[in-house]
Amino acid sequence: MLLLRAAGLDTELHELGLVNTRLPVERLAEVLDVSFDDVTLTILASAVVLDDPAPLLRDAASTTAAKVAGAQGTDMIARLDASVSKAIRCHGTFRVTTEVALFSATSTAG
């Protein structure tokens, strides 16, 4: 988030398109509960450990935040490259984590 603030994009994550606000997890659970007898939510957490910033930079360059920052004359990708490269030099790797909500819903009605 510090890089986003520095790029003049100090805003909520959902406004940058980094989270899905069309159907938040809580609302989806409510919708599913109405139609199904059993609803289970599983959060799938994953991590990618990088020893080279290139894959992260390619992904970041495709985001709305990077395109808006670039249009405003801020090279957020270069700053991200510098930050991630520094972390890799200091620690040997850089860890990127994500979480995905997985719902399983069943109904006993025929």
PDB file of N, CA and C in Angstrom:
ATOM      1  N   MET A   1       0.808  -1.194   0.000  1.00  0.00           N
ATOM      2  CA  MET A   1       0.000   0.000   0.000  1.00  0.00           C
ATOM      3  C   MET A   1       0.855   1.263   0.000  1.00  0.00           C
ATOM      4  N   LEU A   2       2.050   1.197   0.554  1.00  0.00           N
ATOM      5  CA  LEU A   2       2.891   2.392   0.566  1.00  0.00           C
ATOM      6  C   LEU A   2       3.221   2.860  -0.843  1.00  0.00           C
ATOM      7  N   LEU A   3       3.466   1.919  -1.750  1.00  0.00           N
ATOM      8  CA  LEU A   3       3.754   2.302  -3.126  1.00  0.00           C
ATOM      9  C   LEU A   3       2.539   2.949  -3.773  1.00  0.00           C
ATOM     10  N   LEU A   4       1.342   2.441  -3.470  1.00  0.00           N
ATOM     11  CA  LEU A   4       0.134   3.032  -4.038  1.00  0.00           C
ATOM     12  C   LEU A   4      -0.052   4.449  -3.521  1.00  0.00           C
ATOM     13  N   ARG A   5       0.187   4.647  -2.238  1.00  0.00           N
ATOM     14  CA  ARG A   5       0.075   6.002  -1.678  1.00  0.00           C
ATOM     15  C   ARG A   5       1.093   6.933  -2.337  1.00  0.00           C
ATOM     16  N   ALA A   6       2.308   6.447  -2.497  1.00  0.00           N
ATOM     17  CA  ALA A   6       3.352   7.264  -3.102  1.00  0.00           C
ATOM     18  C   ALA A   6       3.025   7.612  -4.552  1.00  0.00           C
ATOM     19  N   ALA A   7       2.254   6.739  -5.190  1.00  0.00           N
ATOM     20  CA  ALA A   7       1.868   6.976  -6.580  1.00  0.00           C
ATOM     21  C   ALA A   7       0.624   7.849  -6.681  1.00  0.00           C
ATOM     22  N   GLY A   8       0.142   8.327  -5.537  1.00  0.00           N
ATOM     23  CA  GLY A   8      -1.046   9.172  -5.547  1.00  0.00           C
ATOM     24  C   GLY A   8      -2.335   8.389  -5.641  1.00  0.00           C
ATOM     25  N   LEU A   9      -2.285   7.115  -5.311  1.00  0.00           N
ATOM     26  CA  LEU A   9      -3.454   6.252  -5.381  1.00  0.00           C
ATOM     27  C   LEU A   9      -3.867   5.803  -3.985  1.00  0.00           C
ATOM     28  N   ASP A  10      -3.871   6.726  -3.047  1.00  0.00           N
ATOM     29  CA  ASP A  10      -4.227   6.420  -1.670  1.00  0.00           C
ATOM     30  C   ASP A  10      -5.741   6.268  -1.577  1.00  0.00           C
ATOM     31  N   THR A  11      -6.204   5.087  -1.895  1.00  0.00           N
ATOM     32  CA  THR A  11      -7.632   4.828  -1.942  1.00  0.00           C
ATOM     33  C   THR A  11      -7.888   3.414  -1.447  1.00  0.00           C
ATOM     34  N   GLU A  12      -9.141   3.044  -1.352  1.00  0.00           N
ATOM     35  CA  GLU A  12      -9.490   1.708  -0.892  1.00  0.00           C
ATOM     36  C   GLU A  12      -9.128   0.664  -1.949  1.00  0.00           C
ATOM     37  N   LEU A  13      -8.781  -0.533  -1.477  1.00  0.00           N
ATOM     38  CA  LEU A  13      -8.406  -1.604  -2.402  1.00  0.00           C
ATOM     39  C   LEU A  13      -9.517  -1.912  -3.403  1.00  0.00           C
ATOM     40  N   HIS A  14     -10.781  -1.890  -2.945  1.00  0.00           N
ATOM     41  CA  HIS A  14     -11.860  -2.225  -3.875  1.00  0.00           C
ATOM     42  C   HIS A  14     -11.989  -1.204  -4.996  1.00  0.00           C
ATOM     43  N   GLU A  15     -11.582   0.034  -4.748  1.00  0.00           N
ATOM     44  CA  GLU A  15     -11.660   1.055  -5.780  1.00  0.00           C
ATOM     45  C   GLU A  15     -10.576   0.870  -6.840  1.00  0.00           C
ATOM     46  N   LEU A  16      -9.545   0.133  -6.510  1.00  0.00           N
ATOM     47  CA  LEU A  16      -8.467  -0.131  -7.455  1.00  0.00           C
ATOM     48  C   LEU A  16      -8.685  -1.428  -8.227  1.00  0.00           C
ATOM     49  N   GLY A  17      -9.771  -2.103  -7.947  1.00  0.00           N
ATOM     50  CA  GLY A  17     -10.043  -3.355  -8.636  1.00  0.00           C
ATOM     51  C   GLY A  17      -9.246  -4.524  -8.086  1.00  0.00           C
ATOM     52  N   LEU A  18      -8.726  -4.396  -6.862  1.00  0.00           N
ATOM     53  CA  LEU A  18      -7.934  -5.474  -6.289  1.00  0.00           C
ATOM     54  C   LEU A  18      -8.770  -6.460  -5.490  1.00  0.00           C
ATOM     55  N   VAL A  19     -10.007  -6.132  -5.222  1.00  0.00           N
ATOM     56  CA  VAL A  19     -10.934  -7.060  -4.570  1.00  0.00           C
ATOM     57  C   VAL A  19     -12.276  -6.982  -5.292  1.00  0.00           C
ATOM     58  N   ASN A  20     -13.050  -8.042  -5.190  1.00  0.00           N
ATOM     59  CA  ASN A  20     -14.355  -8.104  -5.850  1.00  0.00           C
ATOM     60  C   ASN A  20     -15.406  -7.495  -4.936  1.00  0.00           C
ATOM     61  N   THR A  21     -15.950  -6.372  -5.323  1.00  0.00           N
ATOM     62  CA  THR A  21     -16.997  -5.732  -4.522  1.00  0.00           C
ATOM     63  C   THR A  21     -18.385  -5.986  -5.088  1.00  0.00           C
ATOM     64  N   ARG A  22     -18.455  -6.624  -6.238  1.00  0.00           N
ATOM     65  CA  ARG A  22     -19.775  -6.897  -6.831  1.00  0.00           C
ATOM     66  C   ARG A  22     -20.581  -7.834  -5.948  1.00  0.00           C
ATOM     67  N   LEU A  23     -19.912  -8.815  -5.363  1.00  0.00           N
ATOM     68  CA  LEU A  23     -20.581  -9.773  -4.498  1.00  0.00           C
ATOM     69  C   LEU A  23     -19.630 -10.167  -3.368  1.00  0.00           C
ATOM     70  N   PRO A  24     -19.637  -9.372  -2.299  1.00  0.00           N
ATOM     71  CA  PRO A  24     -18.743  -9.676  -1.171  1.00  0.00           C
ATOM     72  C   PRO A  24     -19.045 -11.051  -0.563  1.00  0.00           C
ATOM     73  N   VAL A  25     -18.060 -11.649   0.052  1.00  0.00           N
ATOM     74  CA  VAL A  25     -18.183 -12.983   0.637  1.00  0.00           C
ATOM     75  C   VAL A  25     -19.374 -13.058   1.588  1.00  0.00           C
ATOM     76  N   GLU A  26     -19.549 -12.060   2.428  1.00  0.00           N
ATOM     77  CA  GLU A  26     -20.637 -12.082   3.403  1.00  0.00           C
ATOM     78  C   GLU A  26     -21.999 -12.114   2.711  1.00  0.00           C
ATOM     79  N   ARG A  27     -22.144 -11.320   1.663  1.00  0.00           N
ATOM     80  CA  ARG A  27     -23.421 -11.269   0.934  1.00  0.00           C
ATOM     81  C   ARG A  27     -23.668 -12.571   0.192  1.00  0.00           C
ATOM     82  N   LEU A  28     -22.643 -13.142  -0.414  1.00  0.00           N
ATOM     83  CA  LEU A  28     -22.798 -14.411  -1.105  1.00  0.00           C
ATOM     84  C   LEU A  28     -23.230 -15.500  -0.131  1.00  0.00           C
ATOM     85  N   ALA A  29     -22.656 -15.521   1.059  1.00  0.00           N
ATOM     86  CA  ALA A  29     -23.065 -16.507   2.071  1.00  0.00           C
ATOM     87  C   ALA A  29     -24.554 -16.371   2.376  1.00  0.00           C
ATOM     88  N   GLU A  30     -25.037 -15.158   2.503  1.00  0.00           N
ATOM     89  CA  GLU A  30     -26.463 -14.926   2.759  1.00  0.00           C
ATOM     90  C   GLU A  30     -27.323 -15.437   1.604  1.00  0.00           C
ATOM     91  N   VAL A  31     -26.912 -15.158   0.382  1.00  0.00           N
ATOM     92  CA  VAL A  31     -27.655 -15.594  -0.793  1.00  0.00           C
ATOM     93  C   VAL A  31     -27.710 -17.121  -0.852  1.00  0.00           C
ATOM     94  N   LEU A  32     -26.596 -17.772  -0.620  1.00  0.00           N
ATOM     95  CA  LEU A  32     -26.550 -19.231  -0.672  1.00  0.00           C
ATOM     96  C   LEU A  32     -27.362 -19.870   0.454  1.00  0.00           C
ATOM     97  N   ASP A  33     -27.326 -19.275   1.629  1.00  0.00           N
ATOM     98  CA  ASP A  33     -28.080 -19.810   2.770  1.00  0.00           C
ATOM     99  C   ASP A  33     -29.577 -19.884   2.496  1.00  0.00           C
ATOM    100  N   VAL A  34     -30.084 -18.982   1.683  1.00  0.00           N
ATOM    101  CA  VAL A  34     -31.509 -18.967   1.356  1.00  0.00           C
ATOM    102  C   VAL A  34     -31.887 -20.173   0.485  1.00  0.00           C
ATOM    103  N   SER A  35     -30.999 -20.609  -0.365  1.00  0.00           N
ATOM    104  CA  SER A  35     -31.320 -21.644  -1.342  1.00  0.00           C
ATOM    105  C   SER A  35     -30.776 -23.030  -1.027  1.00  0.00           C
ATOM    106  N   PHE A  36     -29.854 -23.123  -0.092  1.00  0.00           N
ATOM    107  CA  PHE A  36     -29.220 -24.412   0.192  1.00  0.00           C
ATOM    108  C   PHE A  36     -29.313 -24.741   1.679  1.00  0.00           C
ATOM    109  N   ASP A  37     -29.318 -26.057   1.962  1.00  0.00           N
ATOM    110  CA  ASP A  37     -29.400 -26.515   3.347  1.00  0.00           C
ATOM    111  C   ASP A  37     -28.061 -26.419   4.075  1.00  0.00           C
ATOM    112  N   ASP A  38     -27.007 -26.633   3.351  1.00  0.00           N
ATOM    113  CA  ASP A  38     -25.682 -26.622   3.975  1.00  0.00           C
ATOM    114  C   ASP A  38     -24.718 -25.806   3.110  1.00  0.00           C
ATOM    115  N   VAL A  39     -24.160 -24.781   3.698  1.00  0.00           N
ATOM    116  CA  VAL A  39     -23.204 -23.925   2.996  1.00  0.00           C
ATOM    117  C   VAL A  39     -21.917 -23.891   3.803  1.00  0.00           C
ATOM    118  N   THR A  40     -20.835 -24.205   3.140  1.00  0.00           N
ATOM    119  CA  THR A  40     -19.527 -24.205   3.796  1.00  0.00           C
ATOM    120  C   THR A  40     -18.607 -23.240   3.068  1.00  0.00           C
ATOM    121  N   LEU A  41     -17.941 -22.413   3.833  1.00  0.00           N
ATOM    122  CA  LEU A  41     -16.959 -21.477   3.283  1.00  0.00           C
ATOM    123  C   LEU A  41     -15.569 -21.954   3.659  1.00  0.00           C
ATOM    124  N   THR A  42     -14.724 -22.066   2.666  1.00  0.00           N
ATOM    125  CA  THR A  42     -13.324 -22.417   2.891  1.00  0.00           C
ATOM    126  C   THR A  42     -12.472 -21.295   2.299  1.00  0.00           C
ATOM    127  N   ILE A  43     -11.576 -20.774   3.097  1.00  0.00           N
ATOM    128  CA  ILE A  43     -10.640 -19.765   2.604  1.00  0.00           C
ATOM    129  C   ILE A  43      -9.374 -20.481   2.147  1.00  0.00           C
ATOM    130  N   LEU A  44      -9.045 -20.314   0.899  1.00  0.00           N
ATOM    131  CA  LEU A  44      -7.846 -20.925   0.337  1.00  0.00           C
ATOM    132  C   LEU A  44      -6.741 -19.870   0.289  1.00  0.00           C
ATOM    133  N   ALA A  45      -5.777 -20.052   1.118  1.00  0.00           N
ATOM    134  CA  ALA A  45      -4.639 -19.134   1.153  1.00  0.00           C
ATOM    135  C   ALA A  45      -3.493 -19.750   0.365  1.00  0.00           C
ATOM    136  N   SER A  46      -2.809 -18.928  -0.379  1.00  0.00           N
ATOM    137  CA  SER A  46      -1.656 -19.427  -1.125  1.00  0.00           C
ATOM    138  C   SER A  46      -0.542 -18.397  -1.063  1.00  0.00           C
ATOM    139  N   ALA A  47       0.635 -18.870  -1.369  1.00  0.00           N
ATOM    140  CA  ALA A  47       1.789 -17.983  -1.381  1.00  0.00           C
ATOM    141  C   ALA A  47       2.697 -18.359  -2.540  1.00  0.00           C
ATOM    142  N   VAL A  48       3.284 -17.350  -3.127  1.00  0.00           N
ATOM    143  CA  VAL A  48       4.302 -17.545  -4.154  1.00  0.00           C
ATOM    144  C   VAL A  48       5.563 -16.893  -3.610  1.00  0.00           C
ATOM    145  N   VAL A  49       6.624 -17.648  -3.602  1.00  0.00           N
ATOM    146  CA  VAL A  49       7.901 -17.127  -3.117  1.00  0.00           C
ATOM    147  C   VAL A  49       8.786 -16.874  -4.336  1.00  0.00           C
ATOM    148  N   LEU A  50       9.189 -15.626  -4.487  1.00  0.00           N
ATOM    149  CA  LEU A  50       9.943 -15.209  -5.666  1.00  0.00           C
ATOM    150  C   LEU A  50      11.398 -14.927  -5.316  1.00  0.00           C
ATOM    151  N   ASP A  51      12.280 -15.329  -6.217  1.00  0.00           N
ATOM    152  CA  ASP A  51      13.680 -14.917  -6.090  1.00  0.00           C
ATOM    153  C   ASP A  51      14.060 -13.992  -7.245  1.00  0.00           C
ATOM    154  N   ASP A  52      13.052 -13.632  -8.037  1.00  0.00           N
ATOM    155  CA  ASP A  52      13.208 -12.722  -9.167  1.00  0.00           C
ATOM    156  C   ASP A  52      11.924 -11.883  -9.232  1.00  0.00           C
ATOM    157  N   PRO A  53      12.019 -10.567  -9.295  1.00  0.00           N
ATOM    158  CA  PRO A  53      10.814  -9.738  -9.280  1.00  0.00           C
ATOM    159  C   PRO A  53      10.019  -9.738 -10.589  1.00  0.00           C
ATOM    160  N   ALA A  54      10.570 -10.255 -11.672  1.00  0.00           N
ATOM    161  CA  ALA A  54       9.943 -10.132 -12.990  1.00  0.00           C
ATOM    162  C   ALA A  54       8.490 -10.627 -13.055  1.00  0.00           C
ATOM    163  N   PRO A  55       8.156 -11.823 -12.537  1.00  0.00           N
ATOM    164  CA  PRO A  55       6.755 -12.262 -12.634  1.00  0.00           C
ATOM    165  C   PRO A  55       5.788 -11.323 -11.903  1.00  0.00           C
ATOM    166  N   LEU A  56       6.177 -10.832 -10.756  1.00  0.00           N
ATOM    167  CA  LEU A  56       5.335  -9.904 -10.003  1.00  0.00           C
ATOM    168  C   LEU A  56       5.187  -8.587 -10.750  1.00  0.00           C
ATOM    169  N   LEU A  57       6.247  -8.108 -11.343  1.00  0.00           N
ATOM    170  CA  LEU A  57       6.202  -6.845 -12.078  1.00  0.00           C
ATOM    171  C   LEU A  57       5.297  -6.949 -13.301  1.00  0.00           C
ATOM    172  N   ARG A  58       5.350  -8.091 -14.000  1.00  0.00           N
ATOM    173  CA  ARG A  58       4.458  -8.284 -15.157  1.00  0.00           C
ATOM    174  C   ARG A  58       2.999  -8.264 -14.715  1.00  0.00           C
ATOM    175  N   ASP A  59       2.711  -8.942 -13.615  1.00  0.00           N
ATOM    176  CA  ASP A  59       1.338  -8.961 -13.113  1.00  0.00           C
ATOM    177  C   ASP A  59       0.912  -7.565 -12.669  1.00  0.00           C
ATOM    178  N   ALA A  60       1.747  -6.896 -11.912  1.00  0.00           N
ATOM    179  CA  ALA A  60       1.417  -5.555 -11.411  1.00  0.00           C
ATOM    180  C   ALA A  60       1.209  -4.568 -12.557  1.00  0.00           C
ATOM    181  N   ALA A  61       1.993  -4.694 -13.614  1.00  0.00           N
ATOM    182  CA  ALA A  61       1.881  -3.775 -14.752  1.00  0.00           C
ATOM    183  C   ALA A  61       0.533  -3.897 -15.458  1.00  0.00           C
ATOM    184  N   SER A  62      -0.156  -5.015 -15.274  1.00  0.00           N
ATOM    185  CA  SER A  62      -1.448  -5.221 -15.935  1.00  0.00           C
ATOM    186  C   SER A  62      -2.624  -4.682 -15.113  1.00  0.00           C
ATOM    187  N   THR A  63      -2.372  -4.156 -13.925  1.00  0.00           N
ATOM    188  CA  THR A  63      -3.462  -3.705 -13.058  1.00  0.00           C
ATOM    189  C   THR A  63      -3.920  -2.294 -13.404  1.00  0.00           C
ATOM    190  N   THR A  64      -5.135  -2.002 -12.994  1.00  0.00           N
ATOM    191  CA  THR A  64      -5.690  -0.664 -13.173  1.00  0.00           C
ATOM    192  C   THR A  64      -4.844   0.362 -12.443  1.00  0.00           C
ATOM    193  N   ALA A  65      -4.395   0.015 -11.246  1.00  0.00           N
ATOM    194  CA  ALA A  65      -3.595   0.949 -10.448  1.00  0.00           C
ATOM    195  C   ALA A  65      -2.336   1.375 -11.191  1.00  0.00           C
ATOM    196  N   ALA A  66      -1.649   0.428 -11.812  1.00  0.00           N
ATOM    197  CA  ALA A  66      -0.420   0.756 -12.537  1.00  0.00           C
ATOM    198  C   ALA A  66      -0.714   1.617 -13.758  1.00  0.00           C
ATOM    199  N   LYS A  67      -1.806   1.315 -14.440  1.00  0.00           N
ATOM    200  CA  LYS A  67      -2.152   2.091 -15.633  1.00  0.00           C
ATOM    201  C   LYS A  67      -2.549   3.519 -15.271  1.00  0.00           C
ATOM    202  N   VAL A  68      -3.311   3.672 -14.192  1.00  0.00           N
ATOM    203  CA  VAL A  68      -3.694   5.015 -13.755  1.00  0.00           C
ATOM    204  C   VAL A  68      -2.467   5.790 -13.295  1.00  0.00           C
ATOM    205  N   ALA A  69      -1.609   5.145 -12.508  1.00  0.00           N
ATOM    206  CA  ALA A  69      -0.397   5.813 -12.038  1.00  0.00           C
ATOM    207  C   ALA A  69       0.476   6.227 -13.214  1.00  0.00           C
ATOM    208  N   GLY A  70       0.603   5.346 -14.206  1.00  0.00           N
ATOM    209  CA  GLY A  70       1.394   5.671 -15.388  1.00  0.00           C
ATOM    210  C   GLY A  70       0.823   6.850 -16.145  1.00  0.00           C
ATOM    211  N   ALA A  71      -0.498   6.889 -16.251  1.00  0.00           N
ATOM    212  CA  ALA A  71      -1.150   8.004 -16.942  1.00  0.00           C
ATOM    213  C   ALA A  71      -0.949   9.313 -16.205  1.00  0.00           C
ATOM    214  N   GLN A  72      -0.745   9.223 -14.892  1.00  0.00           N
ATOM    215  CA  GLN A  72      -0.511  10.418 -14.078  1.00  0.00           C
ATOM    216  C   GLN A  72       0.971  10.772 -13.997  1.00  0.00           C
ATOM    217  N   GLY A  73       1.783  10.014 -14.721  1.00  0.00           N
ATOM    218  CA  GLY A  73       3.209  10.322 -14.760  1.00  0.00           C
ATOM    219  C   GLY A  73       4.021   9.707 -13.636  1.00  0.00           C
ATOM    220  N   THR A  74       3.437   8.769 -12.893  1.00  0.00           N
ATOM    221  CA  THR A  74       4.153   8.108 -11.807  1.00  0.00           C
ATOM    222  C   THR A  74       4.522   6.705 -12.252  1.00  0.00           C
ATOM    223  N   ASP A  75       5.791   6.362 -12.187  1.00  0.00           N
ATOM    224  CA  ASP A  75       6.224   5.026 -12.593  1.00  0.00           C
ATOM    225  C   ASP A  75       6.202   4.097 -11.392  1.00  0.00           C
ATOM    226  N   MET A  76       5.003   3.619 -11.062  1.00  0.00           N
ATOM    227  CA  MET A  76       4.831   2.750  -9.914  1.00  0.00           C
ATOM    228  C   MET A  76       5.580   1.425 -10.091  1.00  0.00           C
ATOM    229  N   ILE A  77       5.651   0.934 -11.314  1.00  0.00           N
ATOM    230  CA  ILE A  77       6.304  -0.352 -11.558  1.00  0.00           C
ATOM    231  C   ILE A  77       7.802  -0.260 -11.252  1.00  0.00           C
ATOM    232  N   ALA A  78       8.420   0.839 -11.613  1.00  0.00           N
ATOM    233  CA  ALA A  78       9.847   1.010 -11.293  1.00  0.00           C
ATOM    234  C   ALA A  78      10.052   1.045  -9.780  1.00  0.00           C
ATOM    235  N   ARG A  79       9.152   1.707  -9.079  1.00  0.00           N
ATOM    236  CA  ARG A  79       9.250   1.756  -7.616  1.00  0.00           C
ATOM    237  C   ARG A  79       9.027   0.380  -7.004  1.00  0.00           C
ATOM    238  N   LEU A  80       8.047  -0.348  -7.545  1.00  0.00           N
ATOM    239  CA  LEU A  80       7.796  -1.704  -7.057  1.00  0.00           C
ATOM    240  C   LEU A  80       9.011  -2.579  -7.321  1.00  0.00           C
ATOM    241  N   ASP A  81       9.592  -2.458  -8.493  1.00  0.00           N
ATOM    242  CA  ASP A  81      10.795  -3.213  -8.831  1.00  0.00           C
ATOM    243  C   ASP A  81      11.904  -2.922  -7.826  1.00  0.00           C
ATOM    244  N   ALA A  82      12.103  -1.661  -7.525  1.00  0.00           N
ATOM    245  CA  ALA A  82      13.167  -1.298  -6.572  1.00  0.00           C
ATOM    246  C   ALA A  82      12.896  -1.892  -5.196  1.00  0.00           C
ATOM    247  N   SER A  83      11.646  -1.820  -4.735  1.00  0.00           N
ATOM    248  CA  SER A  83      11.301  -2.349  -3.408  1.00  0.00           C
ATOM    249  C   SER A  83      11.437  -3.862  -3.331  1.00  0.00           C
ATOM    250  N   VAL A  84      10.898  -4.541  -4.329  1.00  0.00           N
ATOM    251  CA  VAL A  84      10.945  -6.008  -4.322  1.00  0.00           C
ATOM    252  C   VAL A  84      12.379  -6.489  -4.515  1.00  0.00           C
ATOM    253  N   SER A  85      13.112  -5.850  -5.415  1.00  0.00           N
ATOM    254  CA  SER A  85      14.521  -6.231  -5.631  1.00  0.00           C
ATOM    255  C   SER A  85      15.336  -6.056  -4.365  1.00  0.00           C
ATOM    256  N   LYS A  86      15.087  -4.966  -3.643  1.00  0.00           N
ATOM    257  CA  LYS A  86      15.794  -4.737  -2.377  1.00  0.00           C
ATOM    258  C   LYS A  86      15.468  -5.834  -1.369  1.00  0.00           C
ATOM    259  N   ALA A  87      14.194  -6.210  -1.264  1.00  0.00           N
ATOM    260  CA  ALA A  87      13.798  -7.276  -0.344  1.00  0.00           C
ATOM    261  C   ALA A  87      14.466  -8.596  -0.721  1.00  0.00           C
ATOM    262  N   ILE A  88      14.532  -8.890  -2.014  1.00  0.00           N
ATOM    263  CA  ILE A  88      15.176 -10.127  -2.467  1.00  0.00           C
ATOM    264  C   ILE A  88      16.665 -10.108  -2.155  1.00  0.00           C
ATOM    265  N   ARG A  89      17.300  -8.963  -2.361  1.00  0.00           N
ATOM    266  CA  ARG A  89      18.725  -8.862  -2.020  1.00  0.00           C
ATOM    267  C   ARG A  89      18.954  -9.054  -0.521  1.00  0.00           C
ATOM    268  N   CYS A  90      18.072  -8.494   0.290  1.00  0.00           N
ATOM    269  CA  CYS A  90      18.226  -8.572   1.755  1.00  0.00           C
ATOM    270  C   CYS A  90      17.857  -9.942   2.316  1.00  0.00           C
ATOM    271  N   HIS A  91      16.787 -10.546   1.777  1.00  0.00           N
ATOM    272  CA  HIS A  91      16.240 -11.762   2.385  1.00  0.00           C
ATOM    273  C   HIS A  91      16.351 -12.998   1.495  1.00  0.00           C
ATOM    274  N   GLY A  92      16.744 -12.807   0.257  1.00  0.00           N
ATOM    275  CA  GLY A  92      16.864 -13.930  -0.659  1.00  0.00           C
ATOM    276  C   GLY A  92      15.594 -14.238  -1.436  1.00  0.00           C
ATOM    277  N   THR A  93      14.441 -13.865  -0.885  1.00  0.00           N
ATOM    278  CA  THR A  93      13.159 -14.107  -1.554  1.00  0.00           C
ATOM    279  C   THR A  93      12.171 -13.006  -1.192  1.00  0.00           C
ATOM    280  N   PHE A  94      11.063 -12.993  -1.921  1.00  0.00           N
ATOM    281  CA  PHE A  94       9.949 -12.087  -1.647  1.00  0.00           C
ATOM    282  C   PHE A  94       8.680 -12.922  -1.715  1.00  0.00           C
ATOM    283  N   ARG A  95       7.841 -12.824  -0.704  1.00  0.00           N
ATOM    284  CA  ARG A  95       6.637 -13.667  -0.594  1.00  0.00           C
ATOM    285  C   ARG A  95       5.385 -12.860  -0.936  1.00  0.00           C
ATOM    286  N   VAL A  96       4.572 -13.396  -1.854  1.00  0.00           N
ATOM    287  CA  VAL A  96       3.295 -12.794  -2.239  1.00  0.00           C
ATOM    288  C   VAL A  96       2.199 -13.760  -1.798  1.00  0.00           C
ATOM    289  N   THR A  97       1.213 -13.249  -1.063  1.00  0.00           N
ATOM    290  CA  THR A  97       0.143 -14.112  -0.589  1.00  0.00           C
ATOM    291  C   THR A  97      -1.208 -13.665  -1.148  1.00  0.00           C
ATOM    292  N   THR A  98      -2.117 -14.634  -1.277  1.00  0.00           N
ATOM    293  CA  THR A  98      -3.481 -14.350  -1.718  1.00  0.00           C
ATOM    294  C   THR A  98      -4.446 -15.196  -0.901  1.00  0.00           C
ATOM    295  N   GLU A  99      -5.695 -14.765  -0.877  1.00  0.00           N
ATOM    296  CA  GLU A  99      -6.759 -15.558  -0.271  1.00  0.00           C
ATOM    297  C   GLU A  99      -7.950 -15.575  -1.219  1.00  0.00           C
ATOM    298  N   VAL A 100      -8.529 -16.754  -1.398  1.00  0.00           N
ATOM    299  CA  VAL A 100      -9.707 -16.933  -2.242  1.00  0.00           C
ATOM    300  C   VAL A 100     -10.777 -17.605  -1.401  1.00  0.00           C
ATOM    301  N   ALA A 101     -12.013 -17.144  -1.532  1.00  0.00           N
ATOM    302  CA  ALA A 101     -13.134 -17.754  -0.824  1.00  0.00           C
ATOM    303  C   ALA A 101     -13.765 -18.823  -1.714  1.00  0.00           C
ATOM    304  N   LEU A 102     -13.873 -20.053  -1.196  1.00  0.00           N
ATOM    305  CA  LEU A 102     -14.487 -21.161  -1.920  1.00  0.00           C
ATOM    306  C   LEU A 102     -15.726 -21.598  -1.150  1.00  0.00           C
ATOM    307  N   PHE A 103     -16.866 -21.558  -1.808  1.00  0.00           N
ATOM    308  CA  PHE A 103     -18.107 -22.009  -1.191  1.00  0.00           C
ATOM    309  C   PHE A 103     -18.477 -23.382  -1.705  1.00  0.00           C
ATOM    310  N   SER A 104     -18.977 -24.222  -0.811  1.00  0.00           N
ATOM    311  CA  SER A 104     -19.568 -25.507  -1.158  1.00  0.00           C
ATOM    312  C   SER A 104     -20.992 -25.473  -0.620  1.00  0.00           C
ATOM    313  N   ALA A 105     -21.965 -25.742  -1.482  1.00  0.00           N
ATOM    314  CA  ALA A 105     -23.362 -25.668  -1.069  1.00  0.00           C
ATOM    315  C   ALA A 105     -24.095 -26.924  -1.513  1.00  0.00           C
ATOM    316  N   THR A 106     -24.845 -27.521  -0.586  1.00  0.00           N
ATOM    317  CA  THR A 106     -25.631 -28.713  -0.905  1.00  0.00           C
ATOM    318  C   THR A 106     -27.058 -28.530  -0.408  1.00  0.00           C
ATOM    319  N   SER A 107     -27.953 -29.269  -1.037  1.00  0.00           N
ATOM    320  CA  SER A 107     -29.357 -29.218  -0.656  1.00  0.00           C
ATOM    321  C   SER A 107     -29.867 -30.641  -0.517  1.00  0.00           C
ATOM    322  N   THR A 108     -30.659 -30.887   0.519  1.00  0.00           N
ATOM    323  CA  THR A 108     -31.230 -32.219   0.711  1.00  0.00           C
ATOM    324  C   THR A 108     -32.541 -32.390  -0.024  1.00  0.00           C
ATOM    325  N   ALA A 109     -33.131 -31.298  -0.474  1.00  0.00           N
ATOM    326  CA  ALA A 109     -34.398 -31.357  -1.199  1.00  0.00           C
ATOM    327  C   ALA A 109     -34.177 -31.946  -2.581  1.00  0.00           C
ATOM    328  N   GLY A 110     -35.116 -32.732  -3.039  1.00  0.00           N
ATOM    329  CA  GLY A 110     -34.987 -33.405  -4.332  1.00  0.00           C
ATOM    330  C   GLY A 110     -35.372 -32.532  -5.437  1.00  0.00           C
TER     331      GLY A 110
END
